[in-house]
PDB file of N, CA and C in Angstrom:
ATOM      1  N   THR A   1      73.756  93.678 115.295  1.00  0.00           N
ATOM      2  CA  THR A   1      71.891  94.080 115.571  1.00  0.00           C
ATOM      3  C   THR A   1      72.058  91.940 116.376  1.00  0.00           C
ATOM      4  N   GLY A   2      72.240  91.646 116.834  1.00  0.00           N
ATOM      5  CA  GLY A   2      71.987  90.806 117.622  1.00  0.00           C
ATOM      6  C   GLY A   2      72.047  89.247 116.503  1.00  0.00           C
ATOM      7  N   GLU A   3      72.649  89.136 115.373  1.00  0.00           N
ATOM      8  CA  GLU A   3      72.071  87.968 114.934  1.00  0.00           C
ATOM      9  C   GLU A   3      73.234  87.129 114.276  1.00  0.00           C
ATOM     10  N   GLY A   4      74.706  87.276 114.854  1.00  0.00           N
ATOM     11  CA  GLY A   4      75.496  86.265 115.063  1.00  0.00           C
ATOM     12  C   GLY A   4      76.090  86.056 114.466  1.00  0.00           C
ATOM     13  N   LYS A   5      76.405  87.697 113.553  1.00  0.00           N
ATOM     14  CA  LYS A   5      77.874  87.700 112.622  1.00  0.00           C
ATOM     15  C   LYS A   5      78.451  88.031 112.980  1.00  0.00           C
ATOM     16  N   SER A   6      79.334  88.095 113.608  1.00  0.00           N
ATOM     17  CA  SER A   6      80.099  88.591 114.973  1.00  0.00           C
ATOM     18  C   SER A   6      80.856  87.165 115.300  1.00  0.00           C
ATOM     19  N   LEU A   7      80.259  85.991 115.478  1.00  0.00           N
ATOM     20  CA  LEU A   7      80.373  84.842 115.950  1.00  0.00           C
ATOM     21  C   LEU A   7      80.112  84.077 114.943  1.00  0.00           C
ATOM     22  N   THR A   8      79.533  83.763 113.942  1.00  0.00           N
ATOM     23  CA  THR A   8      79.866  83.290 112.373  1.00  0.00           C
ATOM     24  C   THR A   8      81.393  83.435 111.790  1.00  0.00           C
ATOM     25  N   LEU A   9      81.935  84.864 111.861  1.00  0.00           N
ATOM     26  CA  LEU A   9      82.650  84.821 111.305  1.00  0.00           C
ATOM     27  C   LEU A   9      83.887  84.495 112.169  1.00  0.00           C
ATOM     28  N   ALA A  10      83.836  85.017 113.630  1.00  0.00           N
ATOM     29  CA  ALA A  10      84.953  84.290 114.213  1.00  0.00           C
ATOM     30  C   ALA A  10      85.334  82.737 114.161  1.00  0.00           C
ATOM     31  N   VAL A  11      84.473  82.307 114.083  1.00  0.00           N
ATOM     32  CA  VAL A  11      84.099  80.854 113.760  1.00  0.00           C
ATOM     33  C   VAL A  11      84.392  79.898 112.265  1.00  0.00           C
ATOM     34  N   ALA A  12      84.792  80.697 111.347  1.00  0.00           N
ATOM     35  CA  ALA A  12      84.446  80.331 110.425  1.00  0.00           C
ATOM     36  C   ALA A  12      86.054  81.177 110.505  1.00  0.00           C
ATOM     37  N   SER A  13      87.208  82.073 110.513  1.00  0.00           N
ATOM     38  CA  SER A  13      87.896  82.434 110.288  1.00  0.00           C
ATOM     39  C   SER A  13      89.545  81.410 111.194  1.00  0.00           C
ATOM     40  N   SER A  14      88.171  80.787 112.449  1.00  0.00           N
ATOM     41  CA  SER A  14      89.096  80.086 113.021  1.00  0.00           C
ATOM     42  C   SER A  14      89.235  78.590 112.505  1.00  0.00           C
ATOM     43  N   VAL A  15      88.801  77.999 111.744  1.00  0.00           N
ATOM     44  CA  VAL A  15      88.413  77.062 110.681  1.00  0.00           C
ATOM     45  C   VAL A  15      89.108  77.036 110.037  1.00  0.00           C
ATOM     46  N   LEU A  16      89.109  78.104 109.099  1.00  0.00           N
ATOM     47  CA  LEU A  16      90.455  78.460 108.033  1.00  0.00           C
ATOM     48  C   LEU A  16      91.668  78.120 108.623  1.00  0.00           C
ATOM     49  N   ALA A  17      91.577  79.054 109.747  1.00  0.00           N
ATOM     50  CA  ALA A  17      93.431  79.429 110.233  1.00  0.00           C
ATOM     51  C   ALA A  17      94.019  77.657 110.514  1.00  0.00           C
ATOM     52  N   LEU A  18      93.023  77.004 110.748  1.00  0.00           N
ATOM     53  CA  LEU A  18      93.527  75.484 111.350  1.00  0.00           C
ATOM     54  C   LEU A  18      93.467  74.950 110.370  1.00  0.00           C
ATOM     55  N   LEU A  19      92.738  75.292 109.005  1.00  0.00           N
ATOM     56  CA  LEU A  19      93.388  74.343 108.100  1.00  0.00           C
ATOM     57  C   LEU A  19      94.130  74.971 107.400  1.00  0.00           C
ATOM     58  N   GLY A  20      94.717  75.905 107.406  1.00  0.00           N
ATOM     59  CA  GLY A  20      96.547  76.987 107.194  1.00  0.00           C
ATOM     60  C   GLY A  20      96.190  77.314 106.586  1.00  0.00           C
ATOM     61  N   PHE A  21      95.099  78.423 106.535  1.00  0.00           N
ATOM     62  CA  PHE A  21      94.956  79.374 105.306  1.00  0.00           C
ATOM     63  C   PHE A  21      95.307  81.307 106.442  1.00  0.00           C
ATOM     64  N   ASN A  22      95.933  82.098 106.062  1.00  0.00           N
ATOM     65  CA  ASN A  22      96.021  83.278 106.448  1.00  0.00           C
ATOM     66  C   ASN A  22      94.116  83.845 105.937  1.00  0.00           C
ATOM     67  N   VAL A  23      93.719  84.595 106.975  1.00  0.00           N
ATOM     68  CA  VAL A  23      92.096  84.888 107.106  1.00  0.00           C
ATOM     69  C   VAL A  23      92.631  86.447 106.741  1.00  0.00           C
ATOM     70  N   GLN A  24      91.500  86.845 106.209  1.00  0.00           N
ATOM     71  CA  GLN A  24      91.892  88.544 106.642  1.00  0.00           C
ATOM     72  C   GLN A  24      89.867  88.927 106.487  1.00  0.00           C
ATOM     73  N   CYS A  25      89.824  89.601 107.674  1.00  0.00           N
ATOM     74  CA  CYS A  25      88.443  89.905 108.318  1.00  0.00           C
ATOM     75  C   CYS A  25      88.005  91.055 107.728  1.00  0.00           C
ATOM     76  N   ALA A  26      87.407  91.192 106.483  1.00  0.00           N
ATOM     77  CA  ALA A  26      86.988  93.201 106.599  1.00  0.00           C
ATOM     78  C   ALA A  26      85.655  93.800 106.943  1.00  0.00           C
ATOM     79  N   CYS A  27      85.388  94.867 107.308  1.00  0.00           N
ATOM     80  CA  CYS A  27      84.532  95.635 107.451  1.00  0.00           C
ATOM     81  C   CYS A  27      84.826  96.904 107.787  1.00  0.00           C
ATOM     82  N   TYR A  28      83.630  97.477 107.257  1.00  0.00           N
ATOM     83  CA  TYR A  28      83.681  99.400 107.282  1.00  0.00           C
ATOM     84  C   TYR A  28      83.771  99.686 108.379  1.00  0.00           C
ATOM     85  N   SER A  29      83.914  99.476 108.939  1.00  0.00           N
ATOM     86  CA  SER A  29      84.060 100.123 110.393  1.00  0.00           C
ATOM     87  C   SER A  29      85.626  99.037 111.146  1.00  0.00           C
ATOM     88  N   GLU A  30      86.180 100.233 111.743  1.00  0.00           N
ATOM     89  CA  GLU A  30      87.262 100.129 112.492  1.00  0.00           C
ATOM     90  C   GLU A  30      87.012  99.718 113.928  1.00  0.00           C
ATOM     91  N   TYR A  31      85.773 100.345 114.048  1.00  0.00           N
ATOM     92  CA  TYR A  31      85.709 100.109 115.371  1.00  0.00           C
ATOM     93  C   TYR A  31      84.669  98.682 115.891  1.00  0.00           C
ATOM     94  N   LEU A  32      84.028  98.316 114.560  1.00  0.00           N
ATOM     95  CA  LEU A  32      83.749  97.003 114.454  1.00  0.00           C
ATOM     96  C   LEU A  32      84.705  96.842 114.759  1.00  0.00           C
ATOM     97  N   SER A  33      85.769  95.918 113.201  1.00  0.00           N
ATOM     98  CA  SER A  33      87.068  95.565 113.364  1.00  0.00           C
ATOM     99  C   SER A  33      87.530  94.856 114.758  1.00  0.00           C
ATOM    100  N   GLU A  34      87.597  96.483 115.112  1.00  0.00           N
ATOM    101  CA  GLU A  34      88.812  96.089 116.528  1.00  0.00           C
ATOM    102  C   GLU A  34      88.299  95.420 117.768  1.00  0.00           C
ATOM    103  N   ARG A  35      86.259  95.568 117.799  1.00  0.00           N
ATOM    104  CA  ARG A  35      85.438  95.344 118.754  1.00  0.00           C
ATOM    105  C   ARG A  35      85.875  93.547 118.773  1.00  0.00           C
ATOM    106  N   ASP A  36      84.934  93.173 117.778  1.00  0.00           N
ATOM    107  CA  ASP A  36      85.741  91.724 117.223  1.00  0.00           C
ATOM    108  C   ASP A  36      86.164  90.623 117.288  1.00  0.00           C
ATOM    109  N   TYR A  37      88.136  92.023 117.032  1.00  0.00           N
ATOM    110  CA  TYR A  37      88.585  90.623 116.973  1.00  0.00           C
ATOM    111  C   TYR A  37      88.945  91.219 118.671  1.00  0.00           C
ATOM    112  N   ALA A  38      89.033  91.015 119.488  1.00  0.00           N
ATOM    113  CA  ALA A  38      89.097  91.460 120.742  1.00  0.00           C
ATOM    114  C   ALA A  38      88.344  90.600 121.906  1.00  0.00           C
ATOM    115  N   GLU A  39      87.087  90.825 121.150  1.00  0.00           N
ATOM    116  CA  GLU A  39      85.883  89.496 121.441  1.00  0.00           C
ATOM    117  C   GLU A  39      86.558  88.078 121.118  1.00  0.00           C
ATOM    118  N   PHE A  40      87.355  88.170 120.161  1.00  0.00           N
ATOM    119  CA  PHE A  40      87.610  86.883 119.963  1.00  0.00           C
ATOM    120  C   PHE A  40      89.526  85.985 120.052  1.00  0.00           C
ATOM    121  N   GLU A  41      89.885  87.456 119.793  1.00  0.00           N
ATOM    122  CA  GLU A  41      91.637  87.321 120.328  1.00  0.00           C
ATOM    123  C   GLU A  41      91.213  86.063 121.584  1.00  0.00           C
ATOM    124  N   PRO A  42      91.179  85.497 122.302  1.00  0.00           N
ATOM    125  CA  PRO A  42      91.136  83.878 123.155  1.00  0.00           C
ATOM    126  C   PRO A  42      91.942  83.602 122.928  1.00  0.00           C
ATOM    127  N   LEU A  43      90.550  83.289 121.767  1.00  0.00           N
ATOM    128  CA  LEU A  43      89.492  82.166 120.743  1.00  0.00           C
ATOM    129  C   LEU A  43      90.575  81.722 120.924  1.00  0.00           C
ATOM    130  N   PHE A  44      91.361  82.780 119.864  1.00  0.00           N
ATOM    131  CA  PHE A  44      92.488  82.808 118.393  1.00  0.00           C
ATOM    132  C   PHE A  44      93.320  81.878 119.352  1.00  0.00           C
ATOM    133  N   ASN A  45      93.884  82.854 120.185  1.00  0.00           N
ATOM    134  CA  ASN A  45      94.438  82.142 121.373  1.00  0.00           C
ATOM    135  C   ASN A  45      95.011  81.588 121.340  1.00  0.00           C
ATOM    136  N   ASP A  46      93.277  80.327 122.244  1.00  0.00           N
ATOM    137  CA  ASP A  46      94.099  79.161 122.266  1.00  0.00           C
ATOM    138  C   ASP A  46      93.987  78.305 122.016  1.00  0.00           C
ATOM    139  N   PHE A  47      93.664  78.767 120.790  1.00  0.00           N
ATOM    140  CA  PHE A  47      94.020  77.749 119.098  1.00  0.00           C
ATOM    141  C   PHE A  47      95.432  77.601 118.314  1.00  0.00           C
ATOM    142  N   GLY A  48      95.849  78.755 118.994  1.00  0.00           N
ATOM    143  CA  GLY A  48      97.289  79.248 118.550  1.00  0.00           C
ATOM    144  C   GLY A  48      97.406  79.770 117.396  1.00  0.00           C
ATOM    145  N   ILE A  49      96.214  80.452 116.882  1.00  0.00           N
ATOM    146  CA  ILE A  49      95.891  80.170 115.473  1.00  0.00           C
ATOM    147  C   ILE A  49      95.777  82.397 115.127  1.00  0.00           C
ATOM    148  N   GLN A  50      96.303  82.720 115.994  1.00  0.00           N
ATOM    149  CA  GLN A  50      95.826  84.638 116.680  1.00  0.00           C
ATOM    150  C   GLN A  50      96.710  85.473 115.333  1.00  0.00           C
ATOM    151  N   ALA A  51      98.117  83.975 114.895  1.00  0.00           N
ATOM    152  CA  ALA A  51      99.138  85.249 114.071  1.00  0.00           C
ATOM    153  C   ALA A  51      98.848  84.739 112.008  1.00  0.00           C
ATOM    154  N   PHE A  52      97.805  84.057 112.302  1.00  0.00           N
ATOM    155  CA  PHE A  52      96.787  83.776 111.076  1.00  0.00           C
ATOM    156  C   PHE A  52      95.973  84.425 110.657  1.00  0.00           C
ATOM    157  N   ILE A  53      95.301  85.568 111.403  1.00  0.00           N
ATOM    158  CA  ILE A  53      94.031  86.449 111.208  1.00  0.00           C
ATOM    159  C   ILE A  53      93.888  87.718 111.602  1.00  0.00           C
ATOM    160  N   VAL A  54      93.800  88.576 110.715  1.00  0.00           N
ATOM    161  CA  VAL A  54      94.053  89.795 110.391  1.00  0.00           C
ATOM    162  C   VAL A  54      92.260  90.266 110.967  1.00  0.00           C
ATOM    163  N   TYR A  55      91.904  91.315 111.522  1.00  0.00           N
ATOM    164  CA  TYR A  55      90.517  92.082 111.377  1.00  0.00           C
ATOM    165  C   TYR A  55      91.373  93.686 110.675  1.00  0.00           C
ATOM    166  N   GLY A  56      90.114  93.994 109.586  1.00  0.00           N
ATOM    167  CA  GLY A  56      90.610  95.356 109.668  1.00  0.00           C
ATOM    168  C   GLY A  56      89.443  95.705 108.491  1.00  0.00           C
ATOM    169  N   THR A  57      89.378  97.298 108.275  1.00  0.00           N
ATOM    170  CA  THR A  57      88.557  97.963 107.301  1.00  0.00           C
ATOM    171  C   THR A  57      89.242  97.616 106.303  1.00  0.00           C
ATOM    172  N   PHE A  58      88.376  97.954 105.364  1.00  0.00           N
ATOM    173  CA  PHE A  58      88.404  97.680 103.432  1.00  0.00           C
ATOM    174  C   PHE A  58      90.548  98.291 103.698  1.00  0.00           C
ATOM    175  N   GLY A  59      89.954  99.276 103.859  1.00  0.00           N
ATOM    176  CA  GLY A  59      91.060 100.645 103.417  1.00  0.00           C
ATOM    177  C   GLY A  59      92.597  99.548 104.103  1.00  0.00           C
ATOM    178  N   THR A  60      92.454  99.322 105.263  1.00  0.00           N
ATOM    179  CA  THR A  60      93.627  98.986 105.714  1.00  0.00           C
ATOM    180  C   THR A  60      93.902  97.683 105.422  1.00  0.00           C
ATOM    181  N   LEU A  61      93.115  96.339 105.395  1.00  0.00           N
ATOM    182  CA  LEU A  61      93.243  95.499 104.327  1.00  0.00           C
ATOM    183  C   LEU A  61      93.792  95.449 103.060  1.00  0.00           C
ATOM    184  N   CYS A  62      93.153  96.362 102.446  1.00  0.00           N
ATOM    185  CA  CYS A  62      94.299  96.957 100.887  1.00  0.00           C
ATOM    186  C   CYS A  62      95.537  97.218 101.015  1.00  0.00           C
ATOM    187  N   GLU A  63      95.796  97.855 102.053  1.00  0.00           N
ATOM    188  CA  GLU A  63      96.867  99.107 101.640  1.00  0.00           C
ATOM    189  C   GLU A  63      97.980  97.682 102.683  1.00  0.00           C
ATOM    190  N   ASN A  64      97.707  96.484 103.505  1.00  0.00           N
ATOM    191  CA  ASN A  64      99.118  95.319 103.997  1.00  0.00           C
ATOM    192  C   ASN A  64      98.926  94.514 103.068  1.00  0.00           C
ATOM    193  N   MET A  65      97.904  94.508 102.004  1.00  0.00           N
ATOM    194  CA  MET A  65      98.010  93.331 100.733  1.00  0.00           C
ATOM    195  C   MET A  65      99.319  93.994  99.609  1.00  0.00           C
ATOM    196  N   ILE A  66      98.981  95.723  99.327  1.00  0.00           N
ATOM    197  CA  ILE A  66      99.966  96.562  98.926  1.00  0.00           C
ATOM    198  C   ILE A  66     101.424  96.411  99.649  1.00  0.00           C
ATOM    199  N   ASN A  67     101.762  96.581 100.372  1.00  0.00           N
ATOM    200  CA  ASN A  67     102.575  96.419 100.811  1.00  0.00           C
ATOM    201  C   ASN A  67     103.266  94.903 101.145  1.00  0.00           C
ATOM    202  N   LYS A  68     102.737  93.828 101.411  1.00  0.00           N
ATOM    203  CA  LYS A  68     102.581  92.984 101.170  1.00  0.00           C
ATOM    204  C   LYS A  68     104.531  92.399 101.409  1.00  0.00           C
ATOM    205  N   THR A  69     105.058  92.672  99.963  1.00  0.00           N
ATOM    206  CA  THR A  69     106.476  92.509  99.681  1.00  0.00           C
ATOM    207  C   THR A  69     106.979  93.676 100.250  1.00  0.00           C
ATOM    208  N   MET A  70     106.421  94.504  99.709  1.00  0.00           N
ATOM    209  CA  MET A  70     107.551  95.852 100.289  1.00  0.00           C
ATOM    210  C   MET A  70     106.881  96.954 100.869  1.00  0.00           C
ATOM    211  N   ASN A  71     107.672  97.672 101.336  1.00  0.00           N
ATOM    212  CA  ASN A  71     106.408  99.917 101.038  1.00  0.00           C
ATOM    213  C   ASN A  71     106.833  99.952  99.945  1.00  0.00           C
ATOM    214  N   VAL A  72     105.896 100.288  99.647  1.00  0.00           N
ATOM    215  CA  VAL A  72     105.261 100.670  98.361  1.00  0.00           C
ATOM    216  C   VAL A  72     105.932 102.232  98.231  1.00  0.00           C
ATOM    217  N   ARG A  73     105.316 102.663  99.172  1.00  0.00           N
ATOM    218  CA  ARG A  73     105.872 104.382  99.689  1.00  0.00           C
ATOM    219  C   ARG A  73     107.036 104.184  99.519  1.00  0.00           C
ATOM    220  N   ASP A  74     107.709 103.697 100.395  1.00  0.00           N
ATOM    221  CA  ASP A  74     108.651 104.309 100.315  1.00  0.00           C
ATOM    222  C   ASP A  74     109.650 103.511  99.655  1.00  0.00           C
ATOM    223  N   LYS A  75     109.391 102.145  98.786  1.00  0.00           N
ATOM    224  CA  LYS A  75     110.270 101.940  98.077  1.00  0.00           C
ATOM    225  C   LYS A  75     109.988 103.142  96.521  1.00  0.00           C
ATOM    226  N   LEU A  76     109.030 103.868  96.106  1.00  0.00           N
ATOM    227  CA  LEU A  76     108.536 104.523  95.413  1.00  0.00           C
ATOM    228  C   LEU A  76     109.625 106.090  95.676  1.00  0.00           C
ATOM    229  N   ARG A  77     109.669 106.417  97.267  1.00  0.00           N
ATOM    230  CA  ARG A  77     110.058 107.680  97.390  1.00  0.00           C
ATOM    231  C   ARG A  77     111.633 107.274  97.303  1.00  0.00           C
ATOM    232  N   ALA A  78     112.521 106.205  97.251  1.00  0.00           N
ATOM    233  CA  ALA A  78     113.393 105.162  97.145  1.00  0.00           C
ATOM    234  C   ALA A  78     114.328 105.412  95.230  1.00  0.00           C
ATOM    235  N   VAL A  79     113.488 105.164  94.900  1.00  0.00           N
ATOM    236  CA  VAL A  79     113.419 105.252  93.079  1.00  0.00           C
ATOM    237  C   VAL A  79     113.190 106.771  92.456  1.00  0.00           C
ATOM    238  N   VAL A  80     112.266 107.869  93.549  1.00  0.00           N
ATOM    239  CA  VAL A  80     112.534 109.233  93.490  1.00  0.00           C
ATOM    240  C   VAL A  80     114.476 110.191  93.678  1.00  0.00           C
ATOM    241  N   LEU A  81     114.432 109.548  94.668  1.00  0.00           N
ATOM    242  CA  LEU A  81     115.418 110.291  95.095  1.00  0.00           C
ATOM    243  C   LEU A  81     117.175 109.010  94.891  1.00  0.00           C
ATOM    244  N   ASN A  82     116.897 108.286  94.267  1.00  0.00           N
ATOM    245  CA  ASN A  82     118.104 107.609  93.393  1.00  0.00           C
ATOM    246  C   ASN A  82     118.804 106.990  94.502  1.00  0.00           C
ATOM    247  N   SER A  83     118.494 106.724  95.484  1.00  0.00           N
ATOM    248  CA  SER A  83     118.983 105.955  96.837  1.00  0.00           C
ATOM    249  C   SER A  83     119.286 104.307  96.148  1.00  0.00           C
ATOM    250  N   ASP A  84     120.120 104.099  97.740  1.00  0.00           N
ATOM    251  CA  ASP A  84     120.865 102.280  97.419  1.00  0.00           C
ATOM    252  C   ASP A  84     119.680 101.903  97.486  1.00  0.00           C
ATOM    253  N   ASP A  85     118.502 102.361  98.281  1.00  0.00           N
ATOM    254  CA  ASP A  85     117.213 101.528  98.795  1.00  0.00           C
ATOM    255  C   ASP A  85     116.818 100.735  97.485  1.00  0.00           C
ATOM    256  N   ALA A  86     116.751 101.676  96.556  1.00  0.00           N
ATOM    257  CA  ALA A  86     116.179 101.133  95.445  1.00  0.00           C
ATOM    258  C   ALA A  86     116.826  99.980  94.627  1.00  0.00           C
ATOM    259  N   LYS A  87     117.865 100.105  94.576  1.00  0.00           N
ATOM    260  CA  LYS A  87     118.013  98.765  93.859  1.00  0.00           C
ATOM    261  C   LYS A  87     118.045  97.448  94.917  1.00  0.00           C
ATOM    262  N   GLN A  88     117.515  97.244  96.214  1.00  0.00           N
ATOM    263  CA  GLN A  88     118.003  96.634  96.512  1.00  0.00           C
ATOM    264  C   GLN A  88     116.603  96.052  96.061  1.00  0.00           C
ATOM    265  N   ASN A  89     116.532  94.302  95.858  1.00  0.00           N
ATOM    266  CA  ASN A  89     114.949  93.244  95.384  1.00  0.00           C
ATOM    267  C   ASN A  89     114.664  93.539  97.169  1.00  0.00           C
ATOM    268  N   SER A  90     113.298  93.955  97.539  1.00  0.00           N
ATOM    269  CA  SER A  90     112.334  93.226  98.658  1.00  0.00           C
ATOM    270  C   SER A  90     111.632  92.611  98.402  1.00  0.00           C
ATOM    271  N   PHE A  91     111.606  91.422  97.096  1.00  0.00           N
ATOM    272  CA  PHE A  91     110.649  90.714  97.914  1.00  0.00           C
ATOM    273  C   PHE A  91     110.924  89.958  97.842  1.00  0.00           C
ATOM    274  N   ASP A  92     110.302  88.749  98.864  1.00  0.00           N
ATOM    275  CA  ASP A  92     110.002  87.561  99.394  1.00  0.00           C
ATOM    276  C   ASP A  92     110.021  86.393  99.058  1.00  0.00           C
ATOM    277  N   SER A  93     110.785  85.393  99.223  1.00  0.00           N
ATOM    278  CA  SER A  93     109.870  84.385  97.859  1.00  0.00           C
ATOM    279  C   SER A  93     109.574  82.948  99.358  1.00  0.00           C
ATOM    280  N   LYS A  94     109.461  83.339 100.539  1.00  0.00           N
ATOM    281  CA  LYS A  94     109.278  82.626 101.559  1.00  0.00           C
ATOM    282  C   LYS A  94     108.518  82.136 100.807  1.00  0.00           C
ATOM    283  N   LEU A  95     107.722  80.401 100.943  1.00  0.00           N
ATOM    284  CA  LEU A  95     106.269  80.242 100.694  1.00  0.00           C
ATOM    285  C   LEU A  95     105.578  80.396 101.906  1.00  0.00           C
ATOM    286  N   SER A  96     104.253  80.697 101.584  1.00  0.00           N
ATOM    287  CA  SER A  96     103.086  81.394 102.498  1.00  0.00           C
ATOM    288  C   SER A  96     102.091  80.805 102.262  1.00  0.00           C
ATOM    289  N   ARG A  97     101.173  80.949 103.363  1.00  0.00           N
ATOM    290  CA  ARG A  97      99.832  80.339 103.796  1.00  0.00           C
ATOM    291  C   ARG A  97      98.975  80.858 102.384  1.00  0.00           C
ATOM    292  N   ALA A  98      98.045  80.530 101.465  1.00  0.00           N
ATOM    293  CA  ALA A  98      97.113  80.443 101.211  1.00  0.00           C
ATOM    294  C   ALA A  98      96.324  81.493 101.966  1.00  0.00           C
ATOM    295  N   SER A  99      95.679  82.652 101.397  1.00  0.00           N
ATOM    296  CA  SER A  99      94.869  83.792 101.816  1.00  0.00           C
ATOM    297  C   SER A  99      93.308  83.687 101.644  1.00  0.00           C
ATOM    298  N   VAL A 100      92.723  83.923 102.569  1.00  0.00           N
ATOM    299  CA  VAL A 100      90.925  84.118 102.334  1.00  0.00           C
ATOM    300  C   VAL A 100      90.763  85.350 102.817  1.00  0.00           C
ATOM    301  N   LEU A 101      89.534  85.831 102.174  1.00  0.00           N
ATOM    302  CA  LEU A 101      88.767  87.397 102.602  1.00  0.00           C
ATOM    303  C   LEU A 101      87.050  86.624 102.693  1.00  0.00           C
ATOM    304  N   LEU A 102      87.459  87.860 104.070  1.00  0.00           N
ATOM    305  CA  LEU A 102      85.925  87.186 105.346  1.00  0.00           C
ATOM    306  C   LEU A 102      85.144  88.570 105.501  1.00  0.00           C
ATOM    307  N   ILE A 103      84.284  88.664 104.430  1.00  0.00           N
ATOM    308  CA  ILE A 103      83.516  90.067 104.454  1.00  0.00           C
ATOM    309  C   ILE A 103      82.338  90.080 105.192  1.00  0.00           C
ATOM    310  N   ASP A 104      82.814  91.157 106.322  1.00  0.00           N
ATOM    311  CA  ASP A 104      81.815  91.251 107.391  1.00  0.00           C
ATOM    312  C   ASP A 104      80.417  92.313 106.548  1.00  0.00           C
ATOM    313  N   GLU A 105      78.897  92.922 106.654  1.00  0.00           N
ATOM    314  CA  GLU A 105      78.247  94.163 106.268  1.00  0.00           C
ATOM    315  C   GLU A 105      78.888  93.594 104.998  1.00  0.00           C
ATOM    316  N   VAL A 106      78.285  93.049 103.443  1.00  0.00           N
ATOM    317  CA  VAL A 106      79.354  92.502 102.509  1.00  0.00           C
ATOM    318  C   VAL A 106      77.822  94.017 102.092  1.00  0.00           C
ATOM    319  N   ASP A 107      76.723  93.966 102.365  1.00  0.00           N
ATOM    320  CA  ASP A 107      76.333  94.895 101.462  1.00  0.00           C
ATOM    321  C   ASP A 107      76.925  96.520 101.365  1.00  0.00           C
ATOM    322  N   VAL A 108      77.518  96.710 102.668  1.00  0.00           N
ATOM    323  CA  VAL A 108      78.032  98.169 102.898  1.00  0.00           C
ATOM    324  C   VAL A 108      79.493  97.605 102.038  1.00  0.00           C
ATOM    325  N   PHE A 109      79.451  96.668 102.008  1.00  0.00           N
ATOM    326  CA  PHE A 109      81.356  97.103 100.512  1.00  0.00           C
ATOM    327  C   PHE A 109      80.648  97.240  99.091  1.00  0.00           C
ATOM    328  N   PHE A 110      79.460  96.856  98.478  1.00  0.00           N
ATOM    329  CA  PHE A 110      79.038  96.858  97.440  1.00  0.00           C
ATOM    330  C   PHE A 110      78.539  98.066  96.994  1.00  0.00           C
ATOM    331  N   ASN A 111      78.279  99.015  98.736  1.00  0.00           N
ATOM    332  CA  ASN A 111      77.846 100.608  98.041  1.00  0.00           C
ATOM    333  C   ASN A 111      78.072 101.209  96.699  1.00  0.00           C
ATOM    334  N   GLU A 112      78.091 102.771  96.774  1.00  0.00           N
ATOM    335  CA  GLU A 112      78.446 103.180  96.191  1.00  0.00           C
ATOM    336  C   GLU A 112      79.725 103.239  96.856  1.00  0.00           C
ATOM    337  N   ARG A 113      79.877 104.113  98.148  1.00  0.00           N
ATOM    338  CA  ARG A 113      80.951 104.426  98.256  1.00  0.00           C
ATOM    339  C   ARG A 113      82.235 103.397  98.134  1.00  0.00           C
ATOM    340  N   PHE A 114      81.568 102.678  98.208  1.00  0.00           N
ATOM    341  CA  PHE A 114      83.538 101.122  98.203  1.00  0.00           C
ATOM    342  C   PHE A 114      83.143 100.422  96.041  1.00  0.00           C
ATOM    343  N   TYR A 115      83.163  98.993  96.743  1.00  0.00           N
ATOM    344  CA  TYR A 115      82.804  98.456  94.706  1.00  0.00           C
ATOM    345  C   TYR A 115      82.127  99.033  94.128  1.00  0.00           C
ATOM    346  N   GLY A 116      81.055  99.743  94.959  1.00  0.00           N
ATOM    347  CA  GLY A 116      80.101 100.346  93.759  1.00  0.00           C
ATOM    348  C   GLY A 116      80.330 101.341  92.931  1.00  0.00           C
ATOM    349  N   ASN A 117      81.013 102.233  93.519  1.00  0.00           N
ATOM    350  CA  ASN A 117      81.683 103.292  92.880  1.00  0.00           C
ATOM    351  C   ASN A 117      82.629 103.216  91.529  1.00  0.00           C
TER     352      ASN A 117
END
């Protein structure tokens, strides 16, 4: 709506990434997430922080978080099929950066379709 939310989110994401955080920017709309990331990707690249900033929908970011240490679907399939993959420990013990979640259109997040349900 021309209120500068996209710019504010990009600047906040950049500052947090420069301070050492992984930043996830959540939005209800895949189109808006892709548009905003594409618009500010040159800025992220110039600062060398593009690897630490992820834009996506609530669902996509949740899926990424669930599968952070392993692909849960693949692991469950391996357990059910009793394959050798089920016996391997997929946990990555590397130290990682702390993470921050920024929510665009937070009012949509709290409606009955998402958190409010």
